[in-house]
Amino acid sequence: HGIPWRLIAVDAGEAVPESPEDYAGLCFMG
């Protein structure tokens, strides 16, 4: 659907963003 996405690899130590404002939506996996 032509929607850009960005992977945030919490399992690899990437930090949770302090604000959601840079994103169109947030998806959380298992």
ModelCIF file with pLDDT and N, C-alpha, C, O atoms, coordinates in Angstrom:
data_MODEL
#
_entry.id   MODEL 
#
_entity.id                         1 
_entity.type                       polymer 
_entity.pdbx_number_of_molecules   1 
#
_entity_poly.entity_id                      1 
_entity_poly.type                           'polypeptide(L)' 
_entity_poly.nstd_linkage                   no 
_entity_poly.nstd_monomer                   no 
_entity_poly.pdbx_seq_one_letter_code       HGIPWRLIAVDAGEAVPESPEDYAGLCFMG 
_entity_poly.pdbx_seq_one_letter_code_can   HGIPWRLIAVDAGEAVPESPEDYAGLCFMG 
_entity_poly.pdbx_strand_id                 A 
#
loop_
_entity_poly_seq.entity_id 
_entity_poly_seq.num 
_entity_poly_seq.mon_id 
_entity_poly_seq.hetero 
1 1  HIS n 
1 2  GLY n 
1 3  ILE n 
1 4  PRO n 
1 5  TRP n 
1 6  ARG n 
1 7  LEU n 
1 8  ILE n 
1 9  ALA n 
1 10 VAL n 
1 11 ASP n 
1 12 ALA n 
1 13 GLY n 
1 14 GLU n 
1 15 ALA n 
1 16 VAL n 
1 17 PRO n 
1 18 GLU n 
1 19 SER n 
1 20 PRO n 
1 21 GLU n 
1 22 ASP n 
1 23 TYR n 
1 24 ALA n 
1 25 GLY n 
1 26 LEU n 
1 27 CYS n 
1 28 PHE n 
1 29 MET n 
1 30 GLY n 
#
_struct_asym.id          A 
_struct_asym.entity_id   1 
#
loop_
_ma_qa_metric.id 
_ma_qa_metric.mode 
_ma_qa_metric.name 
_ma_qa_metric.software_group_id 
_ma_qa_metric.type 
1 global pLDDT . pLDDT 
2 local  pLDDT . pLDDT 
#
_ma_qa_metric_global.metric_id      1 
_ma_qa_metric_global.metric_value   97.50 
_ma_qa_metric_global.model_id       1 
_ma_qa_metric_global.ordinal_id     1 
#
loop_
_ma_qa_metric_local.label_asym_id 
_ma_qa_metric_local.label_comp_id 
_ma_qa_metric_local.label_seq_id 
_ma_qa_metric_local.metric_id 
_ma_qa_metric_local.metric_value 
_ma_qa_metric_local.model_id 
_ma_qa_metric_local.ordinal_id 
A HIS 1  2 97.00 1 1  
A GLY 2  2 96.00 1 2  
A ILE 3  2 97.00 1 3  
A PRO 4  2 97.00 1 4  
A TRP 5  2 98.00 1 5  
A ARG 6  2 98.00 1 6  
A LEU 7  2 98.00 1 7  
A ILE 8  2 98.00 1 8  
A ALA 9  2 98.00 1 9  
A VAL 10 2 98.00 1 10 
A ASP 11 2 97.00 1 11 
A ALA 12 2 97.00 1 12 
A GLY 13 2 97.00 1 13 
A GLU 14 2 97.00 1 14 
A ALA 15 2 97.00 1 15 
A VAL 16 2 98.00 1 16 
A PRO 17 2 98.00 1 17 
A GLU 18 2 96.00 1 18 
A SER 19 2 97.00 1 19 
A PRO 20 2 98.00 1 20 
A GLU 21 2 97.00 1 21 
A ASP 22 2 97.00 1 22 
A TYR 23 2 98.00 1 23 
A ALA 24 2 98.00 1 24 
A GLY 25 2 98.00 1 25 
A LEU 26 2 98.00 1 26 
A CYS 27 2 98.00 1 27 
A PHE 28 2 98.00 1 28 
A MET 29 2 98.00 1 29 
A GLY 30 2 98.00 1 30 
#
loop_
_atom_site.group_PDB 
_atom_site.id 
_atom_site.type_symbol 
_atom_site.label_atom_id 
_atom_site.label_alt_id 
_atom_site.label_comp_id 
_atom_site.label_asym_id 
_atom_site.label_entity_id 
_atom_site.label_seq_id 
_atom_site.pdbx_PDB_ins_code 
_atom_site.Cartn_x 
_atom_site.Cartn_y 
_atom_site.Cartn_z 
_atom_site.occupancy 
_atom_site.B_iso_or_equiv 
_atom_site.pdbx_formal_charge 
_atom_site.auth_seq_id 
_atom_site.auth_comp_id 
_atom_site.auth_asym_id 
_atom_site.auth_atom_id 
_atom_site.pdbx_PDB_model_num 
ATOM 1   N N  . HIS A 1 1  ? 0.811  -1.211  0.000  1.00 97.00 ? 1  HIS A N  1 
ATOM 2   C CA . HIS A 1 1  ? 0.000  0.000   0.000  1.00 97.00 ? 1  HIS A CA 1 
ATOM 3   C C  . HIS A 1 1  ? 0.853  1.273   0.000  1.00 97.00 ? 1  HIS A C  1 
ATOM 4   O O  . HIS A 1 1  ? 0.349  2.370   0.243  1.00 97.00 ? 1  HIS A O  1 
ATOM 5   N N  . GLY A 1 2  ? 2.141  1.114   -0.274 1.00 96.00 ? 2  GLY A N  1 
ATOM 6   C CA . GLY A 1 2  ? 3.010  2.266   -0.406 1.00 96.00 ? 2  GLY A CA 1 
ATOM 7   C C  . GLY A 1 2  ? 3.227  3.045   0.866  1.00 96.00 ? 2  GLY A C  1 
ATOM 8   O O  . GLY A 1 2  ? 3.470  4.251   0.825  1.00 96.00 ? 2  GLY A O  1 
ATOM 9   N N  . ILE A 1 3  ? 3.141  2.368   2.005  1.00 97.00 ? 3  ILE A N  1 
ATOM 10  C CA . ILE A 1 3  ? 3.277  3.042   3.301  1.00 97.00 ? 3  ILE A CA 1 
ATOM 11  C C  . ILE A 1 3  ? 4.674  2.759   3.868  1.00 97.00 ? 3  ILE A C  1 
ATOM 12  O O  . ILE A 1 3  ? 5.030  1.593   4.047  1.00 97.00 ? 3  ILE A O  1 
ATOM 13  N N  . PRO A 1 4  ? 5.461  3.776   4.151  1.00 97.00 ? 4  PRO A N  1 
ATOM 14  C CA . PRO A 1 4  ? 6.814  3.549   4.687  1.00 97.00 ? 4  PRO A CA 1 
ATOM 15  C C  . PRO A 1 4  ? 6.759  3.045   6.120  1.00 97.00 ? 4  PRO A C  1 
ATOM 16  O O  . PRO A 1 4  ? 5.844  3.373   6.876  1.00 97.00 ? 4  PRO A O  1 
ATOM 17  N N  . TRP A 1 5  ? 7.752  2.243   6.480  1.00 98.00 ? 5  TRP A N  1 
ATOM 18  C CA . TRP A 1 5  ? 7.823  1.757   7.852  1.00 98.00 ? 5  TRP A CA 1 
ATOM 19  C C  . TRP A 1 5  ? 9.263  1.716   8.322  1.00 98.00 ? 5  TRP A C  1 
ATOM 20  O O  . TRP A 1 5  ? 10.207 1.661   7.534  1.00 98.00 ? 5  TRP A O  1 
ATOM 21  N N  . ARG A 1 6  ? 9.388  1.744   9.623  1.00 98.00 ? 6  ARG A N  1 
ATOM 22  C CA . ARG A 1 6  ? 10.713 1.756   10.254 1.00 98.00 ? 6  ARG A CA 1 
ATOM 23  C C  . ARG A 1 6  ? 10.742 0.713   11.368 1.00 98.00 ? 6  ARG A C  1 
ATOM 24  O O  . ARG A 1 6  ? 9.891  0.725   12.258 1.00 98.00 ? 6  ARG A O  1 
ATOM 25  N N  . LEU A 1 7  ? 11.713 -0.179  11.316 1.00 98.00 ? 7  LEU A N  1 
ATOM 26  C CA . LEU A 1 7  ? 11.856 -1.208  12.346 1.00 98.00 ? 7  LEU A CA 1 
ATOM 27  C C  . LEU A 1 7  ? 12.657 -0.654  13.518 1.00 98.00 ? 7  LEU A C  1 
ATOM 28  O O  . LEU A 1 7  ? 13.747 -0.112  13.339 1.00 98.00 ? 7  LEU A O  1 
ATOM 29  N N  . ILE A 1 8  ? 12.102 -0.798  14.720 1.00 98.00 ? 8  ILE A N  1 
ATOM 30  C CA . ILE A 1 8  ? 12.815 -0.463  15.946 1.00 98.00 ? 8  ILE A CA 1 
ATOM 31  C C  . ILE A 1 8  ? 13.063 -1.769  16.684 1.00 98.00 ? 8  ILE A C  1 
ATOM 32  O O  . ILE A 1 8  ? 12.150 -2.338  17.284 1.00 98.00 ? 8  ILE A O  1 
ATOM 33  N N  . ALA A 1 9  ? 14.305 -2.241  16.635 1.00 98.00 ? 9  ALA A N  1 
ATOM 34  C CA . ALA A 1 9  ? 14.661 -3.553  17.176 1.00 98.00 ? 9  ALA A CA 1 
ATOM 35  C C  . ALA A 1 9  ? 14.976 -3.431  18.660 1.00 98.00 ? 9  ALA A C  1 
ATOM 36  O O  . ALA A 1 9  ? 16.135 -3.293  19.054 1.00 98.00 ? 9  ALA A O  1 
ATOM 37  N N  . VAL A 1 10 ? 13.942 -3.484  19.467 1.00 98.00 ? 10 VAL A N  1 
ATOM 38  C CA . VAL A 1 10 ? 14.112 -3.417  20.914 1.00 98.00 ? 10 VAL A CA 1 
ATOM 39  C C  . VAL A 1 10 ? 14.996 -4.569  21.395 1.00 98.00 ? 10 VAL A C  1 
ATOM 40  O O  . VAL A 1 10 ? 15.785 -4.406  22.326 1.00 98.00 ? 10 VAL A O  1 
ATOM 41  N N  . ASP A 1 11 ? 14.859 -5.732  20.754 1.00 97.00 ? 11 ASP A N  1 
ATOM 42  C CA . ASP A 1 11 ? 15.652 -6.903  21.143 1.00 97.00 ? 11 ASP A CA 1 
ATOM 43  C C  . ASP A 1 11 ? 17.139 -6.696  20.912 1.00 97.00 ? 11 ASP A C  1 
ATOM 44  O O  . ASP A 1 11 ? 17.960 -7.370  21.533 1.00 97.00 ? 11 ASP A O  1 
ATOM 45  N N  . ALA A 1 12 ? 17.494 -5.783  20.037 1.00 97.00 ? 12 ALA A N  1 
ATOM 46  C CA . ALA A 1 12 ? 18.905 -5.493  19.762 1.00 97.00 ? 12 ALA A CA 1 
ATOM 47  C C  . ALA A 1 12 ? 19.400 -4.287  20.544 1.00 97.00 ? 12 ALA A C  1 
ATOM 48  O O  . ALA A 1 12 ? 20.508 -3.805  20.307 1.00 97.00 ? 12 ALA A O  1 
ATOM 49  N N  . GLY A 1 13 ? 18.589 -3.795  21.475 1.00 97.00 ? 13 GLY A N  1 
ATOM 50  C CA . GLY A 1 13 ? 19.006 -2.695  22.326 1.00 97.00 ? 13 GLY A CA 1 
ATOM 51  C C  . GLY A 1 13 ? 18.640 -1.316  21.828 1.00 97.00 ? 13 GLY A C  1 
ATOM 52  O O  . GLY A 1 13 ? 19.062 -0.321  22.417 1.00 97.00 ? 13 GLY A O  1 
ATOM 53  N N  . GLU A 1 14 ? 17.857 -1.227  20.747 1.00 97.00 ? 14 GLU A N  1 
ATOM 54  C CA . GLU A 1 14 ? 17.453 0.093   20.264 1.00 97.00 ? 14 GLU A CA 1 
ATOM 55  C C  . GLU A 1 14 ? 16.481 0.730   21.251 1.00 97.00 ? 14 GLU A C  1 
ATOM 56  O O  . GLU A 1 14 ? 15.611 0.057   21.803 1.00 97.00 ? 14 GLU A O  1 
ATOM 57  N N  . ALA A 1 15 ? 16.635 1.999   21.462 1.00 97.00 ? 15 ALA A N  1 
ATOM 58  C CA . ALA A 1 15 ? 15.844 2.705   22.457 1.00 97.00 ? 15 ALA A CA 1 
ATOM 59  C C  . ALA A 1 15 ? 14.426 2.958   21.973 1.00 97.00 ? 15 ALA A C  1 
ATOM 60  O O  . ALA A 1 15 ? 14.189 3.181   20.786 1.00 97.00 ? 15 ALA A O  1 
ATOM 61  N N  . VAL A 1 16 ? 13.498 2.919   22.903 1.00 98.00 ? 16 VAL A N  1 
ATOM 62  C CA . VAL A 1 16 ? 12.124 3.299   22.612 1.00 98.00 ? 16 VAL A CA 1 
ATOM 63  C C  . VAL A 1 16 ? 12.091 4.816   22.447 1.00 98.00 ? 16 VAL A C  1 
ATOM 64  O O  . VAL A 1 16 ? 12.597 5.532   23.312 1.00 98.00 ? 16 VAL A O  1 
ATOM 65  N N  . PRO A 1 17 ? 11.513 5.325   21.364 1.00 98.00 ? 17 PRO A N  1 
ATOM 66  C CA . PRO A 1 17 ? 11.473 6.780   21.168 1.00 98.00 ? 17 PRO A CA 1 
ATOM 67  C C  . PRO A 1 17 ? 10.772 7.481   22.333 1.00 98.00 ? 17 PRO A C  1 
ATOM 68  O O  . PRO A 1 17 ? 9.886  6.915   22.972 1.00 98.00 ? 17 PRO A O  1 
ATOM 69  N N  . GLU A 1 18 ? 11.181 8.707   22.594 1.00 96.00 ? 18 GLU A N  1 
ATOM 70  C CA . GLU A 1 18 ? 10.574 9.477   23.680 1.00 96.00 ? 18 GLU A CA 1 
ATOM 71  C C  . GLU A 1 18 ? 9.234  10.069  23.280 1.00 96.00 ? 18 GLU A C  1 
ATOM 72  O O  . GLU A 1 18 ? 8.428  10.422  24.141 1.00 96.00 ? 18 GLU A O  1 
ATOM 73  N N  . SER A 1 19 ? 8.990  10.180  21.974 1.00 97.00 ? 19 SER A N  1 
ATOM 74  C CA . SER A 1 19 ? 7.748  10.764  21.477 1.00 97.00 ? 19 SER A CA 1 
ATOM 75  C C  . SER A 1 19 ? 7.280  9.989   20.246 1.00 97.00 ? 19 SER A C  1 
ATOM 76  O O  . SER A 1 19 ? 8.106  9.489   19.483 1.00 97.00 ? 19 SER A O  1 
ATOM 77  N N  . PRO A 1 20 ? 5.957  9.883   20.043 1.00 98.00 ? 20 PRO A N  1 
ATOM 78  C CA . PRO A 1 20 ? 5.443  9.212   18.847 1.00 98.00 ? 20 PRO A CA 1 
ATOM 79  C C  . PRO A 1 20 ? 5.274  10.154  17.659 1.00 98.00 ? 20 PRO A C  1 
ATOM 80  O O  . PRO A 1 20 ? 4.831  9.716   16.598 1.00 98.00 ? 20 PRO A O  1 
ATOM 81  N N  . GLU A 1 21 ? 5.610  11.416  17.805 1.00 97.00 ? 21 GLU A N  1 
ATOM 82  C CA . GLU A 1 21 ? 5.237  12.423  16.817 1.00 97.00 ? 21 GLU A CA 1 
ATOM 83  C C  . GLU A 1 21 ? 5.924  12.240  15.462 1.00 97.00 ? 21 GLU A C  1 
ATOM 84  O O  . GLU A 1 21 ? 5.465  12.799  14.466 1.00 97.00 ? 21 GLU A O  1 
ATOM 85  N N  . ASP A 1 22 ? 7.009  11.472  15.404 1.00 97.00 ? 22 ASP A N  1 
ATOM 86  C CA . ASP A 1 22 ? 7.693  11.250  14.135 1.00 97.00 ? 22 ASP A CA 1 
ATOM 87  C C  . ASP A 1 22 ? 7.055  10.142  13.310 1.00 97.00 ? 22 ASP A C  1 
ATOM 88  O O  . ASP A 1 22 ? 7.535  9.835   12.219 1.00 97.00 ? 22 ASP A O  1 
ATOM 89  N N  . TYR A 1 23 ? 5.987  9.537   13.808 1.00 98.00 ? 23 TYR A N  1 
ATOM 90  C CA . TYR A 1 23 ? 5.413  8.361   13.167 1.00 98.00 ? 23 TYR A CA 1 
ATOM 91  C C  . TYR A 1 23 ? 3.935  8.536   12.858 1.00 98.00 ? 23 TYR A C  1 
ATOM 92  O O  . TYR A 1 23 ? 3.204  9.207   13.587 1.00 98.00 ? 23 TYR A O  1 
ATOM 93  N N  . ALA A 1 24 ? 3.513  7.918   11.761 1.00 98.00 ? 24 ALA A N  1 
ATOM 94  C CA . ALA A 1 24 ? 2.101  7.943   11.369 1.00 98.00 ? 24 ALA A CA 1 
ATOM 95  C C  . ALA A 1 24 ? 1.281  6.975   12.217 1.00 98.00 ? 24 ALA A C  1 
ATOM 96  O O  . ALA A 1 24 ? 0.079  7.170   12.401 1.00 98.00 ? 24 ALA A O  1 
ATOM 97  N N  . GLY A 1 25 ? 1.924  5.942   12.728 1.00 98.00 ? 25 GLY A N  1 
ATOM 98  C CA . GLY A 1 25 ? 1.275  4.949   13.571 1.00 98.00 ? 25 GLY A CA 1 
ATOM 99  C C  . GLY A 1 25 ? 2.337  4.095   14.229 1.00 98.00 ? 25 GLY A C  1 
ATOM 100 O O  . GLY A 1 25 ? 3.496  4.108   13.813 1.00 98.00 ? 25 GLY A O  1 
ATOM 101 N N  . LEU A 1 26 ? 1.949  3.350   15.257 1.00 98.00 ? 26 LEU A N  1 
ATOM 102 C CA . LEU A 1 26 ? 2.879  2.490   15.989 1.00 98.00 ? 26 LEU A CA 1 
ATOM 103 C C  . LEU A 1 26 ? 2.353  1.064   15.978 1.00 98.00 ? 26 LEU A C  1 
ATOM 104 O O  . LEU A 1 26 ? 1.183  0.819   16.271 1.00 98.00 ? 26 LEU A O  1 
ATOM 105 N N  . CYS A 1 27 ? 3.230  0.125   15.638 1.00 98.00 ? 27 CYS A N  1 
ATOM 106 C CA . CYS A 1 27 ? 2.890  -1.298  15.620 1.00 98.00 ? 27 CYS A CA 1 
ATOM 107 C C  . CYS A 1 27 ? 3.823  -2.043  16.565 1.00 98.00 ? 27 CYS A C  1 
ATOM 108 O O  . CYS A 1 27 ? 5.038  -1.846  16.534 1.00 98.00 ? 27 CYS A O  1 
ATOM 109 N N  . PHE A 1 28 ? 3.245  -2.903  17.408 1.00 98.00 ? 28 PHE A N  1 
ATOM 110 C CA . PHE A 1 28 ? 4.016  -3.664  18.380 1.00 98.00 ? 28 PHE A CA 1 
ATOM 111 C C  . PHE A 1 28 ? 3.846  -5.155  18.096 1.00 98.00 ? 28 PHE A C  1 
ATOM 112 O O  . PHE A 1 28 ? 2.729  -5.671  18.046 1.00 98.00 ? 28 PHE A O  1 
ATOM 113 N N  . MET A 1 29 ? 4.976  -5.835  17.913 1.00 98.00 ? 29 MET A N  1 
ATOM 114 C CA . MET A 1 29 ? 4.950  -7.259  17.594 1.00 98.00 ? 29 MET A CA 1 
ATOM 115 C C  . MET A 1 29 ? 4.984  -8.104  18.869 1.00 98.00 ? 29 MET A C  1 
ATOM 116 O O  . MET A 1 29 ? 4.901  -7.568  19.974 1.00 98.00 ? 29 MET A O  1 
ATOM 117 N N  . GLY A 1 30 ? 5.106  -9.420  18.713 1.00 98.00 ? 30 GLY A N  1 
ATOM 118 C CA . GLY A 1 30 ? 5.064  -10.335 19.848 1.00 98.00 ? 30 GLY A CA 1 
ATOM 119 C C  . GLY A 1 30 ? 6.410  -10.522 20.525 1.00 98.00 ? 30 GLY A C  1 
ATOM 120 O O  . GLY A 1 30 ? 6.514  -11.269 21.498 1.00 98.00 ? 30 GLY A O  1 
#
